[in-house]
Amino acid sequence: MEVFIKRLTKTDIEKRLAIPTNSLEHFLGFNGRQGAYLKVKDRSHRLWTFWCSVRKTSYPKPVFSSGWLQFSHHYNLRIGDKITLRKQLKRDVSNGVQYKIEVQRKINLFGKDVWAHVL
């Protein structure tokens, strides 16, 4: 199930990933706290752990912070790249992974723009 698709901004790449607010319902585990760790697998099956938190103010904008910059640097993310986060229907019991993440970059292939997966 698709949680969100987002085109990356400079802040997303250099500081934290701002997540669309309407996606907050897909992140369980806060249990009254301000945040929770999410286990996420990329296309190469590498496991990443992101801290997902919300602001203390009345506008609960979620963000990925801790762990996100390592992911951003590993994939050399760029402004305009596209992130897709999907929630797995069946939980990976062996390591608690509930989400999959994909990165796509727009490239020009034979004069046509296409979205290619970044590995």
N, C-alpha and C. Protein backbone atom coordinates (compact mmCIF):
# COMPACT_ATOMS: atom_id res chain seq x y z
N MET A 1 0.84 -1.17 0.00
CA MET A 1 0.00 0.00 0.00
C MET A 1 0.90 1.24 0.00
N GLU A 2 0.62 2.14 -0.91
CA GLU A 2 1.41 3.36 -1.03
C GLU A 2 1.07 4.33 0.10
N VAL A 3 2.09 4.79 0.82
CA VAL A 3 1.91 5.75 1.90
C VAL A 3 2.04 7.17 1.36
N PHE A 4 3.12 7.42 0.58
CA PHE A 4 3.27 8.72 -0.06
C PHE A 4 4.32 8.65 -1.17
N ILE A 5 4.19 9.63 -2.07
CA ILE A 5 5.21 9.89 -3.10
C ILE A 5 5.56 11.37 -2.93
N LYS A 6 6.85 11.67 -2.97
CA LYS A 6 7.26 13.05 -2.76
C LYS A 6 8.47 13.39 -3.60
N ARG A 7 8.44 14.56 -4.23
CA ARG A 7 9.61 15.11 -4.92
C ARG A 7 10.44 15.83 -3.87
N LEU A 8 11.74 15.58 -3.86
CA LEU A 8 12.61 16.09 -2.81
C LEU A 8 13.01 17.55 -3.00
N THR A 9 13.10 18.24 -1.87
CA THR A 9 13.56 19.63 -1.82
C THR A 9 14.96 19.67 -1.21
N LYS A 10 15.55 20.84 -1.20
CA LYS A 10 16.88 21.01 -0.60
C LYS A 10 16.86 20.62 0.88
N THR A 11 15.85 21.05 1.61
CA THR A 11 15.74 20.71 3.03
C THR A 11 15.60 19.20 3.22
N ASP A 12 14.83 18.55 2.36
CA ASP A 12 14.66 17.09 2.44
C ASP A 12 16.00 16.37 2.32
N ILE A 13 16.88 16.88 1.49
CA ILE A 13 18.16 16.23 1.23
C ILE A 13 19.19 16.56 2.30
N GLU A 14 19.18 17.79 2.78
CA GLU A 14 20.25 18.25 3.67
C GLU A 14 19.92 18.21 5.15
N LYS A 15 18.63 18.11 5.53
CA LYS A 15 18.29 18.19 6.95
C LYS A 15 17.36 17.07 7.41
N ARG A 16 16.18 17.00 6.84
CA ARG A 16 15.16 16.03 7.26
C ARG A 16 14.13 15.91 6.14
N LEU A 17 13.47 14.78 6.08
CA LEU A 17 12.43 14.57 5.07
C LEU A 17 11.09 14.96 5.65
N ALA A 18 10.50 16.02 5.11
CA ALA A 18 9.16 16.42 5.51
C ALA A 18 8.16 15.49 4.82
N ILE A 19 7.30 14.90 5.59
CA ILE A 19 6.35 13.91 5.10
C ILE A 19 4.97 14.56 4.97
N PRO A 20 4.24 14.25 3.89
CA PRO A 20 2.89 14.80 3.77
C PRO A 20 2.03 14.46 5.00
N THR A 21 1.38 15.45 5.56
CA THR A 21 0.61 15.28 6.79
C THR A 21 -0.47 14.21 6.66
N ASN A 22 -1.07 14.09 5.48
CA ASN A 22 -2.13 13.09 5.31
C ASN A 22 -1.59 11.66 5.38
N SER A 23 -0.28 11.49 5.44
CA SER A 23 0.33 10.16 5.56
C SER A 23 0.49 9.72 7.01
N LEU A 24 0.27 10.63 7.95
CA LEU A 24 0.51 10.34 9.36
C LEU A 24 -0.27 9.13 9.85
N GLU A 25 -1.44 8.91 9.31
CA GLU A 25 -2.27 7.77 9.75
C GLU A 25 -1.59 6.42 9.49
N HIS A 26 -0.63 6.37 8.60
CA HIS A 26 0.06 5.12 8.28
C HIS A 26 1.22 4.81 9.22
N PHE A 27 1.56 5.75 10.08
CA PHE A 27 2.67 5.55 11.00
C PHE A 27 2.14 5.28 12.40
N LEU A 28 2.14 4.02 12.76
CA LEU A 28 1.67 3.63 14.08
C LEU A 28 2.85 3.53 15.02
N GLY A 29 2.57 3.42 16.28
CA GLY A 29 3.64 3.19 17.23
C GLY A 29 4.03 4.41 18.04
N PHE A 30 3.37 5.56 17.81
CA PHE A 30 3.70 6.73 18.62
C PHE A 30 3.22 6.53 20.06
N ASN A 31 2.08 5.89 20.24
CA ASN A 31 1.55 5.58 21.58
C ASN A 31 1.64 6.77 22.53
N GLY A 32 1.18 7.91 22.08
CA GLY A 32 1.18 9.11 22.91
C GLY A 32 2.51 9.84 22.94
N ARG A 33 3.53 9.28 22.31
CA ARG A 33 4.84 9.94 22.25
C ARG A 33 4.91 10.84 21.02
N GLN A 34 5.99 11.59 20.93
CA GLN A 34 6.17 12.53 19.82
C GLN A 34 6.76 11.85 18.59
N GLY A 35 7.26 10.63 18.72
CA GLY A 35 7.86 9.96 17.58
C GLY A 35 8.09 8.49 17.82
N ALA A 36 8.56 7.83 16.76
CA ALA A 36 8.85 6.39 16.83
C ALA A 36 9.85 6.05 15.73
N TYR A 37 10.59 4.97 15.94
CA TYR A 37 11.51 4.49 14.92
C TYR A 37 10.76 3.61 13.93
N LEU A 38 11.07 3.79 12.63
CA LEU A 38 10.48 2.98 11.58
C LEU A 38 11.59 2.21 10.89
N LYS A 39 11.38 0.93 10.67
CA LYS A 39 12.32 0.12 9.91
C LYS A 39 11.85 0.07 8.47
N VAL A 40 12.78 0.39 7.57
CA VAL A 40 12.46 0.54 6.15
C VAL A 40 13.51 -0.21 5.33
N LYS A 41 13.06 -0.93 4.30
CA LYS A 41 13.98 -1.60 3.39
C LYS A 41 13.98 -0.89 2.05
N ASP A 42 15.18 -0.77 1.46
CA ASP A 42 15.27 -0.18 0.13
C ASP A 42 15.21 -1.29 -0.92
N ARG A 43 15.36 -0.92 -2.19
CA ARG A 43 15.24 -1.89 -3.29
C ARG A 43 16.32 -2.96 -3.26
N SER A 44 17.46 -2.67 -2.63
CA SER A 44 18.53 -3.67 -2.54
C SER A 44 18.42 -4.47 -1.24
N HIS A 45 17.30 -4.32 -0.54
CA HIS A 45 16.98 -5.04 0.70
C HIS A 45 17.84 -4.61 1.88
N ARG A 46 18.46 -3.43 1.76
CA ARG A 46 19.22 -2.89 2.89
C ARG A 46 18.24 -2.30 3.89
N LEU A 47 18.49 -2.56 5.15
CA LEU A 47 17.62 -2.09 6.22
C LEU A 47 18.06 -0.72 6.71
N TRP A 48 17.11 0.21 6.79
CA TRP A 48 17.34 1.55 7.31
C TRP A 48 16.38 1.78 8.46
N THR A 49 16.80 2.56 9.45
CA THR A 49 15.93 2.93 10.56
C THR A 49 15.84 4.45 10.61
N PHE A 50 14.62 4.97 10.49
CA PHE A 50 14.39 6.41 10.52
C PHE A 50 13.58 6.76 11.76
N TRP A 51 13.91 7.89 12.37
CA TRP A 51 13.10 8.43 13.45
C TRP A 51 12.02 9.28 12.81
N CYS A 52 10.77 8.90 13.03
CA CYS A 52 9.62 9.64 12.51
C CYS A 52 9.00 10.38 13.69
N SER A 53 8.94 11.69 13.59
CA SER A 53 8.39 12.47 14.70
C SER A 53 7.44 13.54 14.16
N VAL A 54 6.67 14.08 15.09
CA VAL A 54 5.75 15.17 14.75
C VAL A 54 6.07 16.37 15.64
N ARG A 55 5.71 17.53 15.17
CA ARG A 55 5.93 18.76 15.94
C ARG A 55 5.12 18.74 17.23
N LYS A 56 5.57 19.50 18.20
CA LYS A 56 4.85 19.62 19.47
C LYS A 56 3.67 20.57 19.34
N THR A 57 3.67 21.39 18.29
CA THR A 57 2.60 22.37 18.11
C THR A 57 1.32 21.69 17.64
N SER A 58 0.29 22.47 17.42
CA SER A 58 -1.01 21.93 17.02
C SER A 58 -1.02 21.40 15.59
N TYR A 59 -0.01 21.75 14.79
CA TYR A 59 0.07 21.27 13.41
C TYR A 59 1.07 20.12 13.36
N PRO A 60 0.58 18.88 13.35
CA PRO A 60 1.47 17.71 13.49
C PRO A 60 2.17 17.30 12.19
N LYS A 61 3.06 18.13 11.69
CA LYS A 61 3.79 17.82 10.46
C LYS A 61 4.83 16.75 10.76
N PRO A 62 4.69 15.54 10.17
CA PRO A 62 5.68 14.49 10.43
C PRO A 62 6.94 14.68 9.59
N VAL A 63 8.07 14.22 10.16
CA VAL A 63 9.36 14.26 9.47
C VAL A 63 10.15 13.00 9.79
N PHE A 64 11.03 12.61 8.87
CA PHE A 64 12.06 11.61 9.14
C PHE A 64 13.32 12.40 9.46
N SER A 65 13.93 12.12 10.59
CA SER A 65 15.17 12.83 10.93
C SER A 65 16.30 11.82 11.12
N SER A 66 16.51 11.35 12.31
CA SER A 66 17.63 10.44 12.58
C SER A 66 17.62 9.26 11.60
N GLY A 67 18.74 9.02 10.96
CA GLY A 67 18.86 7.94 9.98
C GLY A 67 18.60 8.40 8.56
N TRP A 68 17.84 9.48 8.41
CA TRP A 68 17.48 9.94 7.07
C TRP A 68 18.68 10.49 6.31
N LEU A 69 19.52 11.28 6.96
CA LEU A 69 20.66 11.88 6.27
C LEU A 69 21.65 10.82 5.77
N GLN A 70 21.81 9.74 6.52
CA GLN A 70 22.66 8.65 6.06
C GLN A 70 22.10 8.06 4.76
N PHE A 71 20.80 7.88 4.71
CA PHE A 71 20.13 7.38 3.51
C PHE A 71 20.32 8.36 2.36
N SER A 72 20.11 9.65 2.63
CA SER A 72 20.24 10.69 1.61
C SER A 72 21.65 10.70 1.02
N HIS A 73 22.65 10.60 1.88
CA HIS A 73 24.04 10.61 1.40
C HIS A 73 24.39 9.31 0.68
N HIS A 74 23.90 8.20 1.17
CA HIS A 74 24.19 6.90 0.55
C HIS A 74 23.73 6.88 -0.91
N TYR A 75 22.55 7.43 -1.15
CA TYR A 75 21.99 7.44 -2.50
C TYR A 75 22.28 8.72 -3.27
N ASN A 76 23.07 9.62 -2.67
CA ASN A 76 23.41 10.88 -3.33
C ASN A 76 22.14 11.55 -3.87
N LEU A 77 21.15 11.69 -2.99
CA LEU A 77 19.87 12.25 -3.41
C LEU A 77 20.02 13.68 -3.90
N ARG A 78 19.16 14.04 -4.86
CA ARG A 78 19.18 15.36 -5.49
C ARG A 78 17.81 16.00 -5.42
N ILE A 79 17.80 17.31 -5.50
CA ILE A 79 16.53 18.04 -5.57
C ILE A 79 15.78 17.53 -6.79
N GLY A 80 14.49 17.24 -6.60
CA GLY A 80 13.66 16.75 -7.69
C GLY A 80 13.56 15.24 -7.76
N ASP A 81 14.46 14.50 -7.08
CA ASP A 81 14.31 13.05 -7.03
C ASP A 81 12.97 12.73 -6.38
N LYS A 82 12.47 11.55 -6.67
CA LYS A 82 11.15 11.16 -6.17
C LYS A 82 11.30 9.99 -5.19
N ILE A 83 10.71 10.14 -4.02
CA ILE A 83 10.70 9.10 -2.99
C ILE A 83 9.30 8.50 -2.95
N THR A 84 9.25 7.17 -2.92
CA THR A 84 7.98 6.47 -2.73
C THR A 84 8.13 5.59 -1.50
N LEU A 85 7.22 5.74 -0.55
CA LEU A 85 7.21 4.89 0.63
C LEU A 85 5.96 4.04 0.59
N ARG A 86 6.15 2.75 0.75
CA ARG A 86 5.02 1.80 0.75
C ARG A 86 4.99 1.03 2.05
N LYS A 87 3.80 0.80 2.53
CA LYS A 87 3.62 -0.03 3.72
C LYS A 87 3.39 -1.46 3.25
N GLN A 88 4.14 -2.38 3.84
CA GLN A 88 3.98 -3.79 3.47
C GLN A 88 2.70 -4.31 4.09
N LEU A 89 1.99 -5.11 3.35
CA LEU A 89 0.75 -5.67 3.86
C LEU A 89 1.02 -6.71 4.94
N LYS A 90 2.08 -7.49 4.75
CA LYS A 90 2.46 -8.47 5.76
C LYS A 90 3.78 -8.02 6.36
N ARG A 91 3.82 -7.99 7.66
CA ARG A 91 5.03 -7.54 8.36
C ARG A 91 6.13 -8.59 8.23
N ASP A 92 7.34 -8.14 7.98
CA ASP A 92 8.51 -9.00 7.92
C ASP A 92 8.89 -9.32 9.36
N VAL A 93 8.45 -10.47 9.84
CA VAL A 93 8.58 -10.84 11.24
C VAL A 93 10.03 -10.91 11.69
N SER A 94 10.93 -11.28 10.81
CA SER A 94 12.32 -11.50 11.20
C SER A 94 13.02 -10.23 11.69
N ASN A 95 12.66 -9.08 11.17
CA ASN A 95 13.34 -7.86 11.61
C ASN A 95 12.40 -6.67 11.80
N GLY A 96 11.10 -6.89 11.82
CA GLY A 96 10.14 -5.84 12.11
C GLY A 96 9.94 -4.81 11.01
N VAL A 97 10.39 -5.09 9.80
CA VAL A 97 10.26 -4.12 8.70
C VAL A 97 8.80 -4.02 8.28
N GLN A 98 8.31 -2.80 8.24
CA GLN A 98 6.93 -2.56 7.84
C GLN A 98 6.82 -1.73 6.57
N TYR A 99 7.94 -1.15 6.12
CA TYR A 99 7.89 -0.22 5.00
C TYR A 99 8.99 -0.52 3.98
N LYS A 100 8.72 -0.14 2.73
CA LYS A 100 9.71 -0.20 1.66
C LYS A 100 9.84 1.19 1.07
N ILE A 101 11.06 1.56 0.69
CA ILE A 101 11.32 2.88 0.14
C ILE A 101 12.01 2.74 -1.21
N GLU A 102 11.61 3.59 -2.14
CA GLU A 102 12.22 3.61 -3.47
C GLU A 102 12.60 5.04 -3.81
N VAL A 103 13.71 5.17 -4.54
CA VAL A 103 14.16 6.48 -5.01
C VAL A 103 14.18 6.42 -6.53
N GLN A 104 13.61 7.43 -7.16
CA GLN A 104 13.65 7.53 -8.61
C GLN A 104 14.20 8.89 -9.00
N ARG A 105 14.90 8.91 -10.13
CA ARG A 105 15.48 10.14 -10.65
C ARG A 105 15.07 10.28 -12.11
N LYS A 106 14.69 11.50 -12.49
CA LYS A 106 14.32 11.76 -13.87
C LYS A 106 15.58 11.85 -14.71
N ILE A 107 15.64 11.05 -15.76
CA ILE A 107 16.77 11.10 -16.68
C ILE A 107 16.24 11.25 -18.10
N ASN A 108 17.10 11.73 -18.97
CA ASN A 108 16.72 11.86 -20.37
C ASN A 108 17.32 10.68 -21.12
N LEU A 109 16.45 9.86 -21.69
CA LEU A 109 16.87 8.66 -22.39
C LEU A 109 16.40 8.76 -23.84
N PHE A 110 17.34 8.92 -24.75
CA PHE A 110 17.03 9.05 -26.17
C PHE A 110 16.02 10.17 -26.44
N GLY A 111 16.23 11.31 -25.73
CA GLY A 111 15.40 12.46 -25.95
C GLY A 111 14.07 12.46 -25.19
N LYS A 112 13.84 11.45 -24.37
CA LYS A 112 12.58 11.35 -23.62
C LYS A 112 12.90 11.28 -22.14
N ASP A 113 12.16 12.07 -21.32
CA ASP A 113 12.34 12.02 -19.87
C ASP A 113 11.66 10.78 -19.32
N VAL A 114 12.40 10.01 -18.51
CA VAL A 114 11.86 8.83 -17.84
C VAL A 114 12.33 8.82 -16.39
N TRP A 115 11.57 8.15 -15.53
CA TRP A 115 11.95 7.99 -14.13
C TRP A 115 12.68 6.66 -13.99
N ALA A 116 13.90 6.73 -13.50
CA ALA A 116 14.72 5.53 -13.31
C ALA A 116 14.97 5.31 -11.82
N HIS A 117 14.96 4.05 -11.42
CA HIS A 117 15.26 3.74 -10.02
C HIS A 117 16.72 4.00 -9.72
N VAL A 118 16.98 4.56 -8.56
CA VAL A 118 18.34 4.83 -8.11
C VAL A 118 18.72 3.69 -7.18
N LEU A 119 19.82 3.03 -7.46
CA LEU A 119 20.25 1.92 -6.60
C LEU A 119 21.50 2.27 -5.86
